[in-house]
């Protein structure tokens, strides 16, 4: 082949390559463009728990747990490392699988709710909690209770603890995932659809969830383009990332940050964490959920707001902190 033909063939090949971009870039090649502080994983996690919950009186999504390695060999538990199988569960206000379905707060036996003592000389505080999907509650570093249902159907909870002011509330939140490591579920006609989270609570001492709380993301997925991620003033932002569902999401990325060991303790320094973002009832989608609407006067009716991190769809593990003075 003469030089002219060689050059012609070369340019033709380049044009063809530009017309049909490479598909399926490796995690290492693509993650090299990521400039943030998180660790990147790609693809489906290996299940280590097939499902932690079975609904005996209805249907529930599979609440599995998986593990996945990043490019450095670090193993991450998805959607989160929880105490669900071992720790004390909160009393349910409403839980269909257990046939606990009161129509209002008057039908709930609040006197039977156990009190967890944080301070012997403290006052008893009652808390009303609705989490989409899962919570673990701490006060001054002491574990209080966790959600009885990790995924669905949606439930609501009531807790009591004895504490003296000032005290610090810390909450681990998880928006569970059906496709482990991919931050998604089969929903709305798509095999890989990112679900949303949401948390609201009020307490008998007047404490409510609002923008004064802090909320930091520790696991974000699904991400299909790592360049959509950014960080600013301590906030881990994915607001420029798509939340659209797809039938081809098996190669999605996850972004992970290590959870500080003492994050729930009163003395933990969370000054760098961003403030919580507020969401409306319509944004969370609770108008058809009896576990919320039957007790709305204890949630939005008490002045509380739904809170989460900056992305209620893509941020799947979020830690909250708030000091009651």
Protein backbone atom coordinates (compact mmCIF):
# COMPACT_ATOMS: atom_id res chain seq x y z
CA UNK A 1 0.00 0.00 0.00
CA UNK A 2 1.50 3.40 -0.99
CA UNK A 3 1.75 6.33 1.45
CA UNK A 4 -1.34 8.10 0.08
CA UNK A 5 -3.43 4.98 0.55
CA UNK A 6 -1.94 4.48 4.02
CA UNK A 7 -2.90 8.02 5.05
CA UNK A 8 -6.36 7.62 3.54
CA UNK A 9 -6.89 4.38 5.44
CA UNK A 10 -5.62 5.96 8.66
CA UNK A 11 -8.00 8.91 8.45
CA UNK A 12 -10.86 6.60 7.53
CA UNK A 13 -10.13 4.47 10.58
CA UNK A 14 -10.02 7.53 12.84
CA UNK A 15 -13.31 8.78 11.45
CA UNK A 16 -14.89 5.38 12.06
CA UNK A 17 -13.60 5.36 15.63
CA UNK A 18 -15.05 8.81 16.26
CA UNK A 19 -18.38 7.72 14.82
CA UNK A 20 -18.55 4.69 17.14
CA UNK A 21 -17.03 5.60 20.56
CA UNK A 22 -15.56 2.88 22.74
CA UNK A 23 -18.08 1.16 24.98
CA UNK A 24 -17.55 -0.34 28.41
CA UNK A 25 -14.47 1.55 29.57
CA UNK A 26 -12.83 -0.18 32.52
CA UNK A 27 -13.44 1.15 36.02
CA UNK A 28 -9.76 2.03 36.31
CA UNK A 29 -9.72 4.01 33.07
CA UNK A 30 -12.92 5.91 33.74
CA UNK A 31 -12.40 6.46 37.47
CA UNK A 32 -9.11 8.21 36.71
CA UNK A 33 -11.19 11.24 35.72
CA UNK A 34 -12.75 11.43 39.21
CA UNK A 35 -11.23 14.22 41.31
CA UNK A 36 -13.19 13.83 44.56
CA UNK A 37 -12.42 12.33 47.97
CA UNK A 38 -14.55 9.18 47.63
CA UNK A 39 -13.64 5.66 46.52
CA UNK A 40 -15.10 4.38 43.25
CA UNK A 41 -16.66 1.00 42.55
CA UNK A 42 -18.33 -0.22 39.38
CA UNK A 43 -20.85 -2.93 38.69
CA UNK A 44 -22.81 -5.36 40.81
CA UNK A 45 -21.83 -6.27 44.37
CA UNK A 46 -21.48 -9.85 45.61
CA UNK A 47 -24.42 -10.74 47.90
CA UNK A 48 -23.54 -11.66 51.49
CA UNK A 49 -27.14 -11.60 52.79
CA UNK A 50 -29.85 -12.71 50.37
CA UNK A 51 -32.51 -10.84 52.33
CA UNK A 52 -32.72 -9.66 55.93
CA UNK A 53 -36.49 -9.31 56.03
CA UNK A 54 -39.54 -11.34 55.07
CA UNK A 55 -43.05 -9.92 55.13
CA UNK A 56 -45.38 -12.59 56.47
CA UNK A 57 -48.56 -10.65 55.78
CA UNK A 58 -47.91 -9.01 52.44
CA UNK A 59 -45.17 -8.14 49.99
CA UNK A 60 -41.78 -6.56 50.50
CA UNK A 61 -38.79 -5.78 48.35
CA UNK A 62 -35.73 -7.96 48.85
CA UNK A 63 -33.51 -6.31 51.48
CA UNK A 64 -30.19 -7.86 50.58
CA UNK A 65 -26.66 -6.85 51.53
CA UNK A 66 -23.58 -7.07 49.35
CA UNK A 67 -19.86 -6.41 49.21
CA UNK A 68 -17.88 -4.79 46.42
CA UNK A 69 -14.21 -3.88 45.96
CA UNK A 70 -12.84 -0.62 44.65
CA UNK A 71 -9.76 -0.43 42.42
CA UNK A 72 -7.50 -0.32 45.51
CA UNK A 73 -8.94 -3.55 46.89
CA UNK A 74 -10.95 -1.86 49.65
CA UNK A 75 -14.16 -3.78 50.40
CA UNK A 76 -17.37 -1.78 50.82
CA UNK A 77 -20.66 -3.05 52.23
CA UNK A 78 -23.73 -1.97 50.26
CA UNK A 79 -26.09 -0.36 50.70
CA UNK A 80 -24.62 0.10 54.20
CA UNK A 81 -23.11 -1.68 57.17
CA UNK A 82 -25.99 -1.87 59.66
CA UNK A 83 -26.93 -3.55 62.94
CA UNK A 84 -30.26 -4.76 61.61
CA UNK A 85 -29.78 -8.46 62.40
CA UNK A 86 -28.46 -7.95 65.93
CA UNK A 87 -29.71 -4.74 67.58
CA UNK A 88 -32.98 -3.67 69.21
CA UNK A 89 -35.75 -2.63 66.86
CA UNK A 90 -38.00 0.36 67.49
CA UNK A 91 -41.66 -0.07 68.38
CA UNK A 92 -43.82 0.27 65.28
CA UNK A 93 -46.46 2.93 64.97
CA UNK A 94 -47.55 1.24 61.76
CA UNK A 95 -46.21 -1.93 60.16
CA UNK A 96 -48.35 -3.92 57.74
CA UNK A 97 -46.25 -7.07 57.83
CA UNK A 98 -46.81 -7.39 61.58
CA UNK A 99 -50.50 -6.45 61.26
CA UNK A 100 -49.90 -3.24 63.22
CA UNK A 101 -52.27 -0.87 61.43
CA UNK A 102 -53.78 1.74 63.78
CA UNK A 103 -55.84 4.43 62.12
CA UNK A 104 -54.53 7.22 64.35
CA UNK A 105 -52.20 7.96 67.27
CA UNK A 106 -55.01 7.40 69.79
CA UNK A 107 -54.98 3.70 68.89
CA UNK A 108 -51.27 3.36 69.76
CA UNK A 109 -50.31 2.15 73.26
CA UNK A 110 -47.55 4.66 73.93
CA UNK A 111 -47.25 3.56 77.58
CA UNK A 112 -45.85 0.21 76.42
CA UNK A 113 -42.91 1.80 74.58
CA UNK A 114 -39.68 0.99 76.50
CA UNK A 115 -37.48 3.84 77.73
CA UNK A 116 -33.76 3.76 76.96
CA UNK A 117 -31.80 5.57 79.67
CA UNK A 118 -29.06 7.89 78.48
CA UNK A 119 -28.96 10.03 81.64
CA UNK A 120 -30.39 8.75 84.93
CA UNK A 121 -31.48 12.24 85.98
CA UNK A 122 -32.86 13.16 82.56
CA UNK A 123 -36.35 13.70 81.19
CA UNK A 124 -38.21 11.11 79.12
CA UNK A 125 -38.49 12.15 75.46
CA UNK A 126 -40.81 10.44 72.98
CA UNK A 127 -39.82 10.42 69.31
CA UNK A 128 -41.96 9.75 66.25
CA UNK A 129 -40.02 8.63 63.18
CA UNK A 130 -40.72 7.94 59.51
CA UNK A 131 -37.78 6.85 57.37
CA UNK A 132 -37.57 5.98 53.69
CA UNK A 133 -36.23 3.40 54.01
CA UNK A 134 -34.21 2.68 57.17
CA UNK A 135 -32.78 4.38 60.27
CA UNK A 136 -30.56 3.69 63.26
CA UNK A 137 -30.95 6.20 66.11
CA UNK A 138 -28.34 7.27 68.68
CA UNK A 139 -28.47 9.83 71.48
CA UNK A 140 -25.14 11.04 72.92
CA UNK A 141 -23.53 8.01 71.27
CA UNK A 142 -25.88 5.53 72.95
CA UNK A 143 -27.83 3.29 70.61
CA UNK A 144 -31.59 3.76 71.03
CA UNK A 145 -33.28 1.64 68.34
CA UNK A 146 -33.38 0.81 64.65
CA UNK A 147 -36.05 0.50 61.99
CA UNK A 148 -37.95 -2.80 62.03
CA UNK A 149 -38.29 -2.84 58.22
CA UNK A 150 -35.11 -2.24 56.20
CA UNK A 151 -36.75 -1.70 52.80
CA UNK A 152 -40.51 -2.00 52.20
CA UNK A 153 -43.39 -1.86 52.97
CA UNK A 154 -43.14 1.59 54.52
CA UNK A 155 -43.54 1.70 58.29
CA UNK A 156 -43.25 4.29 61.05
CA UNK A 157 -41.79 4.07 64.54
CA UNK A 158 -41.94 5.44 68.07
CA UNK A 159 -39.09 5.55 70.60
CA UNK A 160 -38.51 6.81 74.13
CA UNK A 161 -35.27 7.81 75.81
CA UNK A 162 -34.32 9.52 79.07
CA UNK A 163 -31.79 12.30 78.61
CA UNK A 164 -30.62 15.67 79.93
CA UNK A 165 -30.05 18.72 77.76
CA UNK A 166 -27.95 19.49 75.88
CA UNK A 167 -27.89 16.23 73.96
CA UNK A 168 -26.93 15.13 70.46
CA UNK A 169 -29.11 13.07 68.14
CA UNK A 170 -27.29 11.04 65.48
CA UNK A 171 -29.04 8.97 62.82
CA UNK A 172 -27.79 6.56 60.18
CA UNK A 173 -30.12 6.57 57.18
CA UNK A 174 -30.22 4.08 54.32
CA UNK A 175 -32.18 4.26 51.10
CA UNK A 176 -32.09 0.53 50.36
CA UNK A 177 -31.26 -0.88 46.93
CA UNK A 178 -32.52 -3.93 45.09
CA UNK A 179 -29.59 -4.00 42.65
CA UNK A 180 -26.71 -4.27 45.10
CA UNK A 181 -23.84 -1.91 44.39
CA UNK A 182 -25.86 -0.13 41.72
CA UNK A 183 -28.10 2.08 43.87
CA UNK A 184 -31.24 1.07 42.02
CA UNK A 185 -34.33 -1.11 41.89
CA UNK A 186 -36.72 -2.50 39.30
CA UNK A 187 -39.35 0.22 39.27
CA UNK A 188 -41.42 2.49 37.02
CA UNK A 189 -40.87 0.27 34.01
CA UNK A 190 -37.06 0.31 34.27
CA UNK A 191 -34.77 -2.47 35.53
CA UNK A 192 -32.40 0.09 37.06
CA UNK A 193 -34.36 2.92 38.64
CA UNK A 194 -32.87 5.01 41.45
CA UNK A 195 -35.22 5.19 44.43
CA UNK A 196 -35.47 8.14 46.78
CA UNK A 197 -34.93 8.51 50.51
CA UNK A 198 -36.43 10.81 53.12
CA UNK A 199 -36.50 11.20 56.91
CA UNK A 200 -38.82 13.08 59.22
CA UNK A 201 -39.12 13.06 63.01
CA UNK A 202 -40.55 15.02 65.91
CA UNK A 203 -39.88 14.69 69.62
CA UNK A 204 -41.99 15.50 72.67
CA UNK A 205 -39.52 18.16 73.87
CA UNK A 206 -40.21 20.21 70.75
CA UNK A 207 -37.28 18.96 68.67
CA UNK A 208 -38.12 18.56 64.98
CA UNK A 209 -36.22 17.74 61.81
CA UNK A 210 -35.40 20.93 59.90
CA UNK A 211 -32.59 22.71 58.08
CA UNK A 212 -30.63 23.13 61.33
CA UNK A 213 -29.68 19.45 61.24
CA UNK A 214 -26.50 18.30 59.51
CA UNK A 215 -26.56 15.66 56.77
CA UNK A 216 -23.54 14.07 55.11
CA UNK A 217 -23.58 11.50 52.27
CA UNK A 218 -21.42 8.36 52.52
CA UNK A 219 -22.61 6.26 49.56
CA UNK A 220 -23.86 7.65 46.25
CA UNK A 221 -25.15 5.55 43.34
CA UNK A 222 -26.04 5.04 40.52
CA UNK A 223 -23.54 7.33 38.79
CA UNK A 224 -23.07 6.92 35.04
CA UNK A 225 -20.69 9.82 34.44
CA UNK A 226 -18.13 10.55 37.15
CA UNK A 227 -17.56 14.07 35.86
CA UNK A 228 -21.01 15.05 37.17
CA UNK A 229 -19.72 14.79 40.75
CA UNK A 230 -18.26 17.68 42.73
CA UNK A 231 -17.47 18.76 46.28
CA UNK A 232 -17.95 22.18 47.81
CA UNK A 233 -17.65 23.39 51.41
CA UNK A 234 -17.82 19.85 52.76
CA UNK A 235 -20.84 18.86 50.65
CA UNK A 236 -20.51 15.80 48.39
CA UNK A 237 -22.57 16.89 45.42
CA UNK A 238 -24.27 14.81 42.75
CA UNK A 239 -26.90 17.35 41.79
CA UNK A 240 -25.58 17.47 38.20
CA UNK A 241 -25.92 13.69 37.79
CA UNK A 242 -28.82 12.01 36.02
CA UNK A 243 -31.55 10.31 38.04
CA UNK A 244 -33.29 8.79 35.02
CA UNK A 245 -34.02 5.07 35.05
CA UNK A 246 -32.56 2.70 32.47
CA UNK A 247 -32.66 -0.92 31.36
CA UNK A 248 -28.88 -0.92 30.96
CA UNK A 249 -27.49 0.05 34.37
CA UNK A 250 -25.31 -2.91 35.31
CA UNK A 251 -22.08 -0.91 34.88
CA UNK A 252 -23.09 2.00 37.10
CA UNK A 253 -20.56 3.47 39.50
CA UNK A 254 -20.84 3.84 43.25
CA UNK A 255 -18.98 6.44 45.32
CA UNK A 256 -18.10 5.55 48.91
CA UNK A 257 -16.70 7.40 51.91
CA UNK A 258 -15.51 5.73 55.10
CA UNK A 259 -17.79 6.26 58.09
CA UNK A 260 -15.95 7.89 61.03
CA UNK A 261 -15.85 5.52 64.01
CA UNK A 262 -17.20 8.02 66.53
CA UNK A 263 -19.66 9.82 64.27
CA UNK A 264 -22.57 9.23 66.69
CA UNK A 265 -20.79 10.53 69.80
CA UNK A 266 -21.64 13.87 71.35
CA UNK A 267 -18.02 15.06 71.16
CA UNK A 268 -17.59 14.21 67.46
CA UNK A 269 -16.57 17.22 65.37
CA UNK A 270 -18.98 17.51 62.44
CA UNK A 271 -18.26 21.17 61.73
CA UNK A 272 -17.36 20.35 58.11
CA UNK A 273 -20.67 18.60 57.43
CA UNK A 274 -23.27 20.50 55.39
CA UNK A 275 -26.71 21.41 56.64
CA UNK A 276 -29.59 19.12 55.78
CA UNK A 277 -31.65 19.77 52.66
CA UNK A 278 -35.42 20.10 53.07
CA UNK A 279 -37.94 18.18 50.96
CA UNK A 280 -41.71 18.44 50.71
CA UNK A 281 -44.21 15.67 51.33
CA UNK A 282 -44.93 15.62 47.60
CA UNK A 283 -41.24 15.24 46.74
CA UNK A 284 -40.92 12.25 49.07
CA UNK A 285 -44.28 10.86 47.98
CA UNK A 286 -46.05 10.05 51.26
CA UNK A 287 -49.61 11.06 50.50
CA UNK A 288 -50.56 7.43 49.83
CA UNK A 289 -48.65 5.93 52.77
CA UNK A 290 -50.82 5.18 55.79
CA UNK A 291 -47.73 4.71 57.97
CA UNK A 292 -47.20 8.44 57.57
CA UNK A 293 -50.62 9.94 56.90
CA UNK A 294 -52.31 8.22 59.87
CA UNK A 295 -49.94 10.11 62.18
CA UNK A 296 -49.27 13.23 60.15
CA UNK A 297 -49.93 15.43 63.19
CA UNK A 298 -46.76 13.96 64.71
CA UNK A 299 -44.70 14.75 61.62
CA UNK A 300 -45.42 17.72 59.34
CA UNK A 301 -48.32 18.62 61.62
CA UNK A 302 -45.82 19.12 64.44
CA UNK A 303 -43.72 21.44 62.28
CA UNK A 304 -41.15 18.85 61.19
CA UNK A 305 -39.76 18.70 57.65
CA UNK A 306 -38.44 15.87 55.55
CA UNK A 307 -34.65 16.06 55.40
CA UNK A 308 -31.80 14.29 53.61
CA UNK A 309 -28.50 15.21 52.03
CA UNK A 310 -28.34 17.35 48.88
CA UNK A 311 -29.52 14.47 46.66
CA UNK A 312 -32.48 12.50 48.01
CA UNK A 313 -32.39 10.17 44.99
CA UNK A 314 -28.72 9.24 44.55
CA UNK A 315 -27.34 9.48 48.10
CA UNK A 316 -28.12 6.07 49.61
CA UNK A 317 -26.33 6.23 52.96
CA UNK A 318 -26.59 9.47 54.91
CA UNK A 319 -25.59 10.37 58.46
CA UNK A 320 -27.46 13.04 60.43
CA UNK A 321 -26.48 15.01 63.51
CA UNK A 322 -28.29 17.60 65.61
CA UNK A 323 -27.66 19.03 69.08
CA UNK A 324 -30.68 19.81 71.25
CA UNK A 325 -29.92 22.72 73.58
